[in-house]
PDB file of N, CA and C in Angstrom:
ATOM      1  N   UNK A   1     102.262  66.331  68.791  1.00  0.00           N
ATOM      2  CA  UNK A   1     101.795  66.782  70.088  1.00  0.00           C
ATOM      3  C   UNK A   1     101.812  68.313  70.140  1.00  0.00           C
ATOM      4  N   UNK A   2     100.713  68.890  70.531  1.00  0.00           N
ATOM      5  CA  UNK A   2     100.599  70.345  70.618  1.00  0.00           C
ATOM      6  C   UNK A   2     101.049  70.809  71.993  1.00  0.00           C
ATOM      7  N   UNK A   3     101.889  71.842  71.997  1.00  0.00           N
ATOM      8  CA  UNK A   3     102.376  72.380  73.255  1.00  0.00           C
ATOM      9  C   UNK A   3     101.672  73.705  73.518  1.00  0.00           C
ATOM     10  N   UNK A   4     101.159  73.876  74.706  1.00  0.00           N
ATOM     11  CA  UNK A   4     100.479  75.106  75.079  1.00  0.00           C
ATOM     12  C   UNK A   4     101.424  75.982  75.882  1.00  0.00           C
ATOM     13  N   UNK A   5     101.510  77.227  75.485  1.00  0.00           N
ATOM     14  CA  UNK A   5     102.359  78.179  76.184  1.00  0.00           C
ATOM     15  C   UNK A   5     101.515  79.050  77.093  1.00  0.00           C
ATOM     16  N   UNK A   6     102.084  79.413  78.218  1.00  0.00           N
ATOM     17  CA  UNK A   6     101.372  80.293  79.139  1.00  0.00           C
ATOM     18  C   UNK A   6     101.450  81.728  78.632  1.00  0.00           C
ATOM     19  N   UNK A   7     100.564  82.544  79.148  1.00  0.00           N
ATOM     20  CA  UNK A   7     100.573  83.958  78.789  1.00  0.00           C
ATOM     21  C   UNK A   7     101.911  84.601  79.175  1.00  0.00           C
ATOM     22  N   UNK A   8     102.436  84.196  80.313  1.00  0.00           N
ATOM     23  CA  UNK A   8     103.718  84.725  80.773  1.00  0.00           C
ATOM     24  C   UNK A   8     104.833  84.357  79.794  1.00  0.00           C
ATOM     25  N   UNK A   9     104.847  83.127  79.300  1.00  0.00           N
ATOM     26  CA  UNK A   9     105.869  82.701  78.335  1.00  0.00           C
ATOM     27  C   UNK A   9     105.740  83.459  77.018  1.00  0.00           C
ATOM     28  N   UNK A  10     104.522  83.658  76.564  1.00  0.00           N
ATOM     29  CA  UNK A  10     104.292  84.381  75.308  1.00  0.00           C
ATOM     30  C   UNK A  10     104.748  85.830  75.440  1.00  0.00           C
ATOM     31  N   UNK A  11     104.369  86.478  76.526  1.00  0.00           N
ATOM     32  CA  UNK A  11     104.787  87.865  76.737  1.00  0.00           C
ATOM     33  C   UNK A  11     106.291  87.964  76.937  1.00  0.00           C
ATOM     34  N   UNK A  12     106.880  87.006  77.637  1.00  0.00           N
ATOM     35  CA  UNK A  12     108.330  86.997  77.826  1.00  0.00           C
ATOM     36  C   UNK A  12     109.065  86.862  76.501  1.00  0.00           C
ATOM     37  N   UNK A  13     108.535  86.029  75.631  1.00  0.00           N
ATOM     38  CA  UNK A  13     109.120  85.870  74.302  1.00  0.00           C
ATOM     39  C   UNK A  13     108.972  87.155  73.489  1.00  0.00           C
ATOM     40  N   UNK A  14     107.808  87.792  73.595  1.00  0.00           N
ATOM     41  CA  UNK A  14     107.588  89.060  72.888  1.00  0.00           C
ATOM     42  C   UNK A  14     108.556  90.132  73.391  1.00  0.00           C
ATOM     43  N   UNK A  15     108.770  90.179  74.701  1.00  0.00           N
ATOM     44  CA  UNK A  15     109.696  91.169  75.259  1.00  0.00           C
ATOM     45  C   UNK A  15     111.124  90.911  74.791  1.00  0.00           C
ATOM     46  N   UNK A  16     111.535  89.656  74.805  1.00  0.00           N
ATOM     47  CA  UNK A  16     112.880  89.314  74.334  1.00  0.00           C
ATOM     48  C   UNK A  16     113.042  89.665  72.853  1.00  0.00           C
ATOM     49  N   UNK A  17     112.006  89.438  72.069  1.00  0.00           N
ATOM     50  CA  UNK A  17     112.055  89.784  70.641  1.00  0.00           C
ATOM     51  C   UNK A  17     112.175  91.286  70.438  1.00  0.00           C
ATOM     52  N   UNK A  18     111.441  92.061  71.207  1.00  0.00           N
ATOM     53  CA  UNK A  18     111.516  93.515  71.091  1.00  0.00           C
ATOM     54  C   UNK A  18     112.894  94.034  71.507  1.00  0.00           C
ATOM     55  N   UNK A  19     113.460  93.455  72.544  1.00  0.00           N
ATOM     56  CA  UNK A  19     114.807  93.855  72.961  1.00  0.00           C
ATOM     57  C   UNK A  19     115.815  93.577  71.849  1.00  0.00           C
ATOM     58  N   UNK A  20     115.706  92.416  71.222  1.00  0.00           N
ATOM     59  CA  UNK A  20     116.610  92.074  70.119  1.00  0.00           C
ATOM     60  C   UNK A  20     116.400  93.001  68.936  1.00  0.00           C
ATOM     61  N   UNK A  21     115.151  93.319  68.630  1.00  0.00           N
ATOM     62  CA  UNK A  21     114.855  94.210  67.503  1.00  0.00           C
ATOM     63  C   UNK A  21     115.444  95.597  67.735  1.00  0.00           C
ATOM     64  N   UNK A  22     115.304  96.132  68.953  1.00  0.00           N
ATOM     65  CA  UNK A  22     115.853  97.461  69.214  1.00  0.00           C
ATOM     66  C   UNK A  22     117.375  97.458  69.139  1.00  0.00           C
ATOM     67  N   UNK A  23     117.997  96.384  69.593  1.00  0.00           N
ATOM     68  CA  UNK A  23     119.458  96.285  69.483  1.00  0.00           C
ATOM     69  C   UNK A  23     119.891  96.287  68.017  1.00  0.00           C
ATOM     70  N   UNK A  24     119.180  95.536  67.191  1.00  0.00           N
ATOM     71  CA  UNK A  24     119.534  95.457  65.772  1.00  0.00           C
ATOM     72  C   UNK A  24     119.277  96.766  65.035  1.00  0.00           C
ATOM     73  N   UNK A  25     118.129  97.403  65.285  1.00  0.00           N
ATOM     74  CA  UNK A  25     117.849  98.692  64.646  1.00  0.00           C
ATOM     75  C   UNK A  25     118.864  99.748  65.089  1.00  0.00           C
ATOM     76  N   UNK A  26     119.237  99.728  66.351  1.00  0.00           N
ATOM     77  CA  UNK A  26     120.214 100.690  66.852  1.00  0.00           C
ATOM     78  C   UNK A  26     121.561 100.500  66.165  1.00  0.00           C
ATOM     79  N   UNK A  27     121.996  99.257  66.050  1.00  0.00           N
ATOM     80  CA  UNK A  27     123.267  98.956  65.383  1.00  0.00           C
ATOM     81  C   UNK A  27     123.221  99.398  63.924  1.00  0.00           C
ATOM     82  N   UNK A  28     122.120  99.114  63.251  1.00  0.00           N
ATOM     83  CA  UNK A  28     121.975  99.498  61.855  1.00  0.00           C
ATOM     84  C   UNK A  28     121.995 101.020  61.699  1.00  0.00           C
ATOM     85  N   UNK A  29     121.305 101.729  62.569  1.00  0.00           N
ATOM     86  CA  UNK A  29     121.289 103.195  62.497  1.00  0.00           C
ATOM     87  C   UNK A  29     122.685 103.764  62.720  1.00  0.00           C
ATOM     88  N   UNK A  30     123.438 103.167  63.623  1.00  0.00           N
ATOM     89  CA  UNK A  30     124.797 103.640  63.894  1.00  0.00           C
ATOM     90  C   UNK A  30     125.724 103.448  62.703  1.00  0.00           C
ATOM     91  N   UNK A  31     125.445 102.466  61.872  1.00  0.00           N
ATOM     92  CA  UNK A  31     126.335 102.145  60.755  1.00  0.00           C
ATOM     93  C   UNK A  31     125.794 102.612  59.408  1.00  0.00           C
ATOM     94  N   UNK A  32     124.718 103.367  59.414  1.00  0.00           N
ATOM     95  CA  UNK A  32     124.067 103.777  58.171  1.00  0.00           C
ATOM     96  C   UNK A  32     124.675 105.096  57.663  1.00  0.00           C
ATOM     97  N   UNK A  33     125.123 105.097  56.417  1.00  0.00           N
ATOM     98  CA  UNK A  33     125.746 106.283  55.834  1.00  0.00           C
ATOM     99  C   UNK A  33     124.741 107.192  55.130  1.00  0.00           C
ATOM    100  N   UNK A  34     123.621 106.665  54.687  1.00  0.00           N
ATOM    101  CA  UNK A  34     122.629 107.449  53.957  1.00  0.00           C
ATOM    102  C   UNK A  34     121.623 108.036  54.952  1.00  0.00           C
ATOM    103  N   UNK A  35     121.509 109.371  54.985  1.00  0.00           N
ATOM    104  CA  UNK A  35     120.686 110.029  55.995  1.00  0.00           C
ATOM    105  C   UNK A  35     119.212 109.640  55.893  1.00  0.00           C
ATOM    106  N   UNK A  36     118.676 109.534  54.684  1.00  0.00           N
ATOM    107  CA  UNK A  36     117.271 109.157  54.540  1.00  0.00           C
ATOM    108  C   UNK A  36     116.986 107.777  55.093  1.00  0.00           C
ATOM    109  N   UNK A  37     117.878 106.842  54.807  1.00  0.00           N
ATOM    110  CA  UNK A  37     117.721 105.489  55.333  1.00  0.00           C
ATOM    111  C   UNK A  37     117.903 105.482  56.839  1.00  0.00           C
ATOM    112  N   UNK A  38     118.873 106.258  57.319  1.00  0.00           N
ATOM    113  CA  UNK A  38     119.095 106.342  58.773  1.00  0.00           C
ATOM    114  C   UNK A  38     117.857 106.873  59.476  1.00  0.00           C
ATOM    115  N   UNK A  39     117.227 107.907  58.898  1.00  0.00           N
ATOM    116  CA  UNK A  39     116.006 108.455  59.497  1.00  0.00           C
ATOM    117  C   UNK A  39     114.895 107.409  59.545  1.00  0.00           C
ATOM    118  N   UNK A  40     114.762 106.616  58.482  1.00  0.00           N
ATOM    119  CA  UNK A  40     113.742 105.568  58.444  1.00  0.00           C
ATOM    120  C   UNK A  40     114.024 104.509  59.506  1.00  0.00           C
ATOM    121  N   UNK A  41     115.290 104.145  59.662  1.00  0.00           N
ATOM    122  CA  UNK A  41     115.666 103.150  60.669  1.00  0.00           C
ATOM    123  C   UNK A  41     115.400 103.699  62.069  1.00  0.00           C
ATOM    124  N   UNK A  42     115.730 104.965  62.301  1.00  0.00           N
ATOM    125  CA  UNK A  42     115.478 105.566  63.610  1.00  0.00           C
ATOM    126  C   UNK A  42     113.985 105.630  63.916  1.00  0.00           C
ATOM    127  N   UNK A  43     113.166 105.853  62.892  1.00  0.00           N
ATOM    128  CA  UNK A  43     111.714 105.835  63.075  1.00  0.00           C
ATOM    129  C   UNK A  43     111.257 104.437  63.495  1.00  0.00           C
ATOM    130  N   UNK A  44     111.782 103.419  62.831  1.00  0.00           N
ATOM    131  CA  UNK A  44     111.468 102.031  63.210  1.00  0.00           C
ATOM    132  C   UNK A  44     111.935 101.743  64.635  1.00  0.00           C
ATOM    133  N   UNK A  45     113.116 102.215  64.982  1.00  0.00           N
ATOM    134  CA  UNK A  45     113.656 102.020  66.329  1.00  0.00           C
ATOM    135  C   UNK A  45     112.731 102.635  67.372  1.00  0.00           C
ATOM    136  N   UNK A  46     112.260 103.850  67.100  1.00  0.00           N
ATOM    137  CA  UNK A  46     111.350 104.523  68.027  1.00  0.00           C
ATOM    138  C   UNK A  46     110.065 103.722  68.208  1.00  0.00           C
ATOM    139  N   UNK A  47     109.517 103.217  67.115  1.00  0.00           N
ATOM    140  CA  UNK A  47     108.290 102.422  67.190  1.00  0.00           C
ATOM    141  C   UNK A  47     108.517 101.118  67.951  1.00  0.00           C
ATOM    142  N   UNK A  48     109.667 100.491  67.744  1.00  0.00           N
ATOM    143  CA  UNK A  48     109.987  99.260  68.468  1.00  0.00           C
ATOM    144  C   UNK A  48     110.116  99.527  69.966  1.00  0.00           C
ATOM    145  N   UNK A  49     110.698 100.679  70.329  1.00  0.00           N
ATOM    146  CA  UNK A  49     110.791 101.036  71.745  1.00  0.00           C
ATOM    147  C   UNK A  49     109.403 101.203  72.349  1.00  0.00           C
ATOM    148  N   UNK A  50     108.481 101.790  71.599  1.00  0.00           N
ATOM    149  CA  UNK A  50     107.112 101.954  72.091  1.00  0.00           C
ATOM    150  C   UNK A  50     106.447 100.593  72.320  1.00  0.00           C
ATOM    151  N   UNK A  51     106.656  99.670  71.398  1.00  0.00           N
ATOM    152  CA  UNK A  51     106.099  98.323  71.551  1.00  0.00           C
ATOM    153  C   UNK A  51     106.729  97.632  72.751  1.00  0.00           C
ATOM    154  N   UNK A  52     108.045  97.779  72.890  1.00  0.00           N
ATOM    155  CA  UNK A  52     108.749  97.152  74.013  1.00  0.00           C
ATOM    156  C   UNK A  52     108.197  97.662  75.338  1.00  0.00           C
ATOM    157  N   UNK A  53     107.960  98.961  75.432  1.00  0.00           N
ATOM    158  CA  UNK A  53     107.413  99.531  76.671  1.00  0.00           C
ATOM    159  C   UNK A  53     106.010  98.992  76.933  1.00  0.00           C
ATOM    160  N   UNK A  54     105.202  98.874  75.892  1.00  0.00           N
ATOM    161  CA  UNK A  54     103.850  98.328  76.052  1.00  0.00           C
ATOM    162  C   UNK A  54     103.897  96.895  76.588  1.00  0.00           C
ATOM    163  N   UNK A  55     104.762  96.067  76.008  1.00  0.00           N
ATOM    164  CA  UNK A  55     104.879  94.674  76.458  1.00  0.00           C
ATOM    165  C   UNK A  55     105.394  94.626  77.889  1.00  0.00           C
ATOM    166  N   UNK A  56     106.429  95.435  78.187  1.00  0.00           N
ATOM    167  CA  UNK A  56     106.973  95.467  79.548  1.00  0.00           C
ATOM    168  C   UNK A  56     105.899  95.884  80.547  1.00  0.00           C
ATOM    169  N   UNK A  57     105.164  96.959  80.236  1.00  0.00           N
ATOM    170  CA  UNK A  57     104.125  97.438  81.152  1.00  0.00           C
ATOM    171  C   UNK A  57     103.044  96.387  81.367  1.00  0.00           C
ATOM    172  N   UNK A  58     102.667  95.682  80.312  1.00  0.00           N
ATOM    173  CA  UNK A  58     101.671  94.612  80.436  1.00  0.00           C
ATOM    174  C   UNK A  58     102.195  93.531  81.376  1.00  0.00           C
ATOM    175  N   UNK A  59     103.446  93.118  81.175  1.00  0.00           N
ATOM    176  CA  UNK A  59     104.033  92.089  82.039  1.00  0.00           C
ATOM    177  C   UNK A  59     104.133  92.576  83.482  1.00  0.00           C
ATOM    178  N   UNK A  60     104.533  93.823  83.646  1.00  0.00           N
ATOM    179  CA  UNK A  60     104.678  94.385  84.989  1.00  0.00           C
ATOM    180  C   UNK A  60     103.318  94.461  85.688  1.00  0.00           C
ATOM    181  N   UNK A  61     102.309  94.951  84.965  1.00  0.00           N
ATOM    182  CA  UNK A  61     100.970  95.075  85.544  1.00  0.00           C
ATOM    183  C   UNK A  61     100.387  93.725  85.947  1.00  0.00           C
ATOM    184  N   UNK A  62     100.745  92.679  85.209  1.00  0.00           N
ATOM    185  CA  UNK A  62     100.217  91.350  85.493  1.00  0.00           C
ATOM    186  C   UNK A  62     101.065  90.597  86.532  1.00  0.00           C
ATOM    187  N   UNK A  63     102.132  91.237  87.007  1.00  0.00           N
ATOM    188  CA  UNK A  63     102.986  90.621  88.014  1.00  0.00           C
ATOM    189  C   UNK A  63     104.011  89.661  87.447  1.00  0.00           C
ATOM    190  N   UNK A  64     104.175  89.649  86.120  1.00  0.00           N
ATOM    191  CA  UNK A  64     105.130  88.754  85.481  1.00  0.00           C
ATOM    192  C   UNK A  64     106.548  89.319  85.468  1.00  0.00           C
ATOM    193  N   UNK A  65     106.688  90.611  85.699  1.00  0.00           N
ATOM    194  CA  UNK A  65     108.001  91.269  85.649  1.00  0.00           C
ATOM    195  C   UNK A  65     108.057  92.283  86.787  1.00  0.00           C
ATOM    196  N   UNK A  66     108.161  91.803  88.022  1.00  0.00           N
ATOM    197  CA  UNK A  66     108.177  92.727  89.161  1.00  0.00           C
ATOM    198  C   UNK A  66     109.484  93.514  89.223  1.00  0.00           C
ATOM    199  N   UNK A  67     109.381  94.752  89.585  1.00  0.00           N
ATOM    200  CA  UNK A  67     110.569  95.593  89.755  1.00  0.00           C
ATOM    201  C   UNK A  67     110.484  96.293  91.107  1.00  0.00           C
ATOM    202  N   UNK A  68     111.594  96.355  91.815  1.00  0.00           N
ATOM    203  CA  UNK A  68     111.573  97.039  93.111  1.00  0.00           C
ATOM    204  C   UNK A  68     111.485  98.548  92.912  1.00  0.00           C
ATOM    205  N   UNK A  69     110.895  99.217  93.862  1.00  0.00           N
ATOM    206  CA  UNK A  69     110.817 100.676  93.815  1.00  0.00           C
ATOM    207  C   UNK A  69     112.208 101.273  94.016  1.00  0.00           C
ATOM    208  N   UNK A  70     112.497 102.321  93.295  1.00  0.00           N
ATOM    209  CA  UNK A  70     113.795 102.986  93.417  1.00  0.00           C
ATOM    210  C   UNK A  70     113.819 103.830  94.690  1.00  0.00           C
ATOM    211  N   UNK A  71     114.933 103.759  95.382  1.00  0.00           N
ATOM    212  CA  UNK A  71     115.098 104.558  96.594  1.00  0.00           C
ATOM    213  C   UNK A  71     115.465 105.992  96.186  1.00  0.00           C
ATOM    214  N   UNK A  72     114.837 106.970  96.846  1.00  0.00           N
ATOM    215  CA  UNK A  72     115.033 108.369  96.481  1.00  0.00           C
ATOM    216  C   UNK A  72     116.503 108.795  96.538  1.00  0.00           C
ATOM    217  N   UNK A  73     117.240 108.345  97.550  1.00  0.00           N
ATOM    218  CA  UNK A  73     118.647 108.742  97.662  1.00  0.00           C
ATOM    219  C   UNK A  73     119.480 108.159  96.523  1.00  0.00           C
ATOM    220  N   UNK A  74     119.167 106.938  96.090  1.00  0.00           N
ATOM    221  CA  UNK A  74     119.896 106.331  94.974  1.00  0.00           C
ATOM    222  C   UNK A  74     119.582 107.052  93.663  1.00  0.00           C
ATOM    223  N   UNK A  75     118.338 107.448  93.480  1.00  0.00           N
ATOM    224  CA  UNK A  75     117.950 108.189  92.287  1.00  0.00           C
ATOM    225  C   UNK A  75     118.692 109.525  92.255  1.00  0.00           C
ATOM    226  N   UNK A  76     118.756 110.214  93.376  1.00  0.00           N
ATOM    227  CA  UNK A  76     119.461 111.492  93.449  1.00  0.00           C
ATOM    228  C   UNK A  76     120.949 111.322  93.150  1.00  0.00           C
ATOM    229  N   UNK A  77     121.566 110.253  93.661  1.00  0.00           N
ATOM    230  CA  UNK A  77     122.981 109.988  93.384  1.00  0.00           C
ATOM    231  C   UNK A  77     123.221 109.772  91.894  1.00  0.00           C
ATOM    232  N   UNK A  78     122.365 108.994  91.266  1.00  0.00           N
ATOM    233  CA  UNK A  78     122.524 108.728  89.837  1.00  0.00           C
ATOM    234  C   UNK A  78     122.305 109.978  88.998  1.00  0.00           C
ATOM    235  N   UNK A  79     121.315 110.784  89.372  1.00  0.00           N
ATOM    236  CA  UNK A  79     121.082 112.040  88.642  1.00  0.00           C
ATOM    237  C   UNK A  79     122.319 112.924  88.719  1.00  0.00           C
ATOM    238  N   UNK A  80     122.905 113.025  89.888  1.00  0.00           N
ATOM    239  CA  UNK A  80     124.101 113.841  90.058  1.00  0.00           C
ATOM    240  C   UNK A  80     125.258 113.272  89.245  1.00  0.00           C
ATOM    241  N   UNK A  81     125.446 111.982  89.306  1.00  0.00           N
ATOM    242  CA  UNK A  81     126.532 111.335  88.572  1.00  0.00           C
ATOM    243  C   UNK A  81     126.407 111.579  87.076  1.00  0.00           C
ATOM    244  N   UNK A  82     125.216 111.370  86.521  1.00  0.00           N
ATOM    245  CA  UNK A  82     125.035 111.514  85.077  1.00  0.00           C
ATOM    246  C   UNK A  82     125.015 112.967  84.640  1.00  0.00           C
ATOM    247  N   UNK A  83     124.584 113.876  85.494  1.00  0.00           N
ATOM    248  CA  UNK A  83     124.629 115.287  85.107  1.00  0.00           C
ATOM    249  C   UNK A  83     126.083 115.768  85.072  1.00  0.00           C
ATOM    250  N   UNK A  84     126.930 115.241  85.955  1.00  0.00           N
ATOM    251  CA  UNK A  84     128.352 115.576  85.935  1.00  0.00           C
ATOM    252  C   UNK A  84     129.017 115.002  84.692  1.00  0.00           C
ATOM    253  N   UNK A  85     128.645 113.800  84.329  1.00  0.00           N
ATOM    254  CA  UNK A  85     129.192 113.154  83.131  1.00  0.00           C
ATOM    255  C   UNK A  85     128.809 113.945  81.880  1.00  0.00           C
ATOM    256  N   UNK A  86     127.563 114.391  81.823  1.00  0.00           N
ATOM    257  CA  UNK A  86     127.078 115.135  80.651  1.00  0.00           C
ATOM    258  C   UNK A  86     127.811 116.467  80.508  1.00  0.00           C
ATOM    259  N   UNK A  87     128.148 117.130  81.602  1.00  0.00           N
ATOM    260  CA  UNK A  87     128.848 118.399  81.509  1.00  0.00           C
ATOM    261  C   UNK A  87     130.298 118.219  81.094  1.00  0.00           C
ATOM    262  N   UNK A  88     130.850 117.026  81.325  1.00  0.00           N
ATOM    263  CA  UNK A  88     132.230 116.757  80.931  1.00  0.00           C
ATOM    264  C   UNK A  88     132.356 116.560  79.419  1.00  0.00           C
ATOM    265  N   UNK A  89     131.250 116.222  78.757  1.00  0.00           N
ATOM    266  CA  UNK A  89     131.276 116.002  77.315  1.00  0.00           C
ATOM    267  C   UNK A  89     131.293 117.320  76.650  1.00  0.00           C
TER     268      UNK A  89
END
């Protein structure tokens, strides 16, 4: 019996796969001792992030992944919080 998947299911699976790929590439880059190999892994990680954003944007544009608009006051609070954290490092 052949099972038909919806476009939403296919894109959702693609997004989940990209998230897993970026997690794995990130972990590998963090544990890589050889700089040349680390650079190659980071290049792959960057490309995977680009694919992930493309899939996310497609899902969002099609209404499959709705996100609420960020409130300006909350954005300002987070910017302040993270800028303070960065100066502490």
